[in-house]
Amino acid sequence: MKNFFKSFRQDDEGAVTVDWVVLTAAIIGVAIGAINQVGSATDTVANNIADGMANVQVGVGNGSGG
């Protein structure tokens, strides 16, 4: 029984697993934040383009009287 507790205390495989889980969660969190920022910026650019296109008149002559 004494050997079991001694080997259990020295075994660090579980600690390495926890480190990897925490590191992976941090990477996923950063990726989600970056995707949200890019998505927000993309929406802004798309709205600006849509506003610009809404003000364009298509098929109107150039005023030369043709």
C-alpha atoms as a PDB file:
ATOM      1  CA  MET A   1       0.000   0.000   0.000  1.00  0.00           C
ATOM      2  CA  LYS A   2       2.886   2.312   0.795  1.00  0.00           C
ATOM      3  CA  ASN A   3       4.373   1.726  -2.661  1.00  0.00           C
ATOM      4  CA  PHE A   4       1.024   2.525  -4.286  1.00  0.00           C
ATOM      5  CA  PHE A   5       0.832   5.959  -2.647  1.00  0.00           C
ATOM      6  CA  LYS A   6       4.470   6.660  -3.414  1.00  0.00           C
ATOM      7  CA  SER A   7       4.043   5.837  -7.114  1.00  0.00           C
ATOM      8  CA  PHE A   8       0.706   7.725  -7.238  1.00  0.00           C
ATOM      9  CA  ARG A   9       2.347  10.849  -5.826  1.00  0.00           C
ATOM     10  CA  GLN A  10       5.224  10.682  -8.323  1.00  0.00           C
ATOM     11  CA  ASP A  11       3.024   9.987 -11.364  1.00  0.00           C
ATOM     12  CA  ASP A  12       2.626  13.210 -13.352  1.00  0.00           C
ATOM     13  CA  GLU A  13       0.794  11.949 -16.455  1.00  0.00           C
ATOM     14  CA  GLY A  14      -2.492  13.407 -15.220  1.00  0.00           C
ATOM     15  CA  ALA A  15      -0.864  16.790 -14.676  1.00  0.00           C
ATOM     16  CA  VAL A  16       0.407  16.802 -18.254  1.00  0.00           C
ATOM     17  CA  THR A  17      -3.100  16.008 -19.472  1.00  0.00           C
ATOM     18  CA  VAL A  18      -4.514  18.911 -17.479  1.00  0.00           C
ATOM     19  CA  ASP A  19      -1.855  21.211 -18.945  1.00  0.00           C
ATOM     20  CA  TRP A  20      -2.837  20.186 -22.481  1.00  0.00           C
ATOM     21  CA  VAL A  21      -6.542  20.669 -21.763  1.00  0.00           C
ATOM     22  CA  VAL A  22      -5.939  24.165 -20.360  1.00  0.00           C
ATOM     23  CA  LEU A  23      -3.661  25.088 -23.271  1.00  0.00           C
ATOM     24  CA  THR A  24      -6.182  23.815 -25.826  1.00  0.00           C
ATOM     25  CA  ALA A  25      -9.021  25.718 -24.148  1.00  0.00           C
ATOM     26  CA  ALA A  26      -6.949  28.912 -24.216  1.00  0.00           C
ATOM     27  CA  ILE A  27      -6.157  28.491 -27.910  1.00  0.00           C
ATOM     28  CA  ILE A  28      -9.826  27.874 -28.707  1.00  0.00           C
ATOM     29  CA  GLY A  29     -10.816  30.962 -26.711  1.00  0.00           C
ATOM     30  CA  VAL A  30      -8.350  33.137 -28.601  1.00  0.00           C
ATOM     31  CA  ALA A  31      -9.527  31.703 -31.922  1.00  0.00           C
ATOM     32  CA  ILE A  32     -13.174  32.433 -31.093  1.00  0.00           C
ATOM     33  CA  GLY A  33     -12.259  35.996 -30.144  1.00  0.00           C
ATOM     34  CA  ALA A  34     -10.348  36.487 -33.387  1.00  0.00           C
ATOM     35  CA  ILE A  35     -13.217  35.084 -35.455  1.00  0.00           C
ATOM     36  CA  ASN A  36     -15.644  37.458 -33.736  1.00  0.00           C
ATOM     37  CA  GLN A  37     -13.393  40.445 -34.473  1.00  0.00           C
ATOM     38  CA  VAL A  38     -12.970  39.485 -38.124  1.00  0.00           C
ATOM     39  CA  GLY A  39     -16.705  38.863 -38.462  1.00  0.00           C
ATOM     40  CA  SER A  40     -17.528  42.261 -36.998  1.00  0.00           C
ATOM     41  CA  ALA A  41     -15.080  44.023 -39.308  1.00  0.00           C
ATOM     42  CA  THR A  42     -16.449  42.097 -42.292  1.00  0.00           C
ATOM     43  CA  ASP A  43     -19.998  43.189 -41.435  1.00  0.00           C
ATOM     44  CA  THR A  44     -18.882  46.819 -41.289  1.00  0.00           C
ATOM     45  CA  VAL A  45     -17.149  46.619 -44.667  1.00  0.00           C
ATOM     46  CA  ALA A  46     -20.131  44.837 -46.236  1.00  0.00           C
ATOM     47  CA  ASN A  47     -22.532  47.474 -44.900  1.00  0.00           C
ATOM     48  CA  ASN A  48     -20.340  50.287 -46.237  1.00  0.00           C
ATOM     49  CA  ILE A  49     -20.266  48.654 -49.677  1.00  0.00           C
ATOM     50  CA  ALA A  50     -24.037  48.124 -49.625  1.00  0.00           C
ATOM     51  CA  ASP A  51     -24.597  51.790 -48.707  1.00  0.00           C
ATOM     52  CA  GLY A  52     -22.321  52.893 -51.532  1.00  0.00           C
ATOM     53  CA  MET A  53     -24.053  50.655 -54.051  1.00  0.00           C
ATOM     54  CA  ALA A  54     -27.492  51.860 -52.963  1.00  0.00           C
ATOM     55  CA  ASN A  55     -26.573  55.402 -54.037  1.00  0.00           C
ATOM     56  CA  VAL A  56     -25.450  54.399 -57.542  1.00  0.00           C
ATOM     57  CA  GLN A  57     -27.897  55.026 -60.363  1.00  0.00           C
ATOM     58  CA  VAL A  58     -27.731  52.380 -63.059  1.00  0.00           C
ATOM     59  CA  GLY A  59     -28.854  52.961 -66.637  1.00  0.00           C
ATOM     60  CA  VAL A  60     -28.974  56.744 -66.422  1.00  0.00           C
ATOM     61  CA  GLY A  61     -27.536  58.628 -69.408  1.00  0.00           C
ATOM     62  CA  ASN A  62     -24.490  60.828 -69.072  1.00  0.00           C
ATOM     63  CA  GLY A  63     -26.434  63.976 -69.881  1.00  0.00           C
ATOM     64  CA  SER A  64     -24.956  64.534 -73.363  1.00  0.00           C
ATOM     65  CA  GLY A  65     -28.397  64.460 -74.977  1.00  0.00           C
ATOM     66  CA  GLY A  66     -27.482  61.569 -77.149  1.00  0.00           C
END
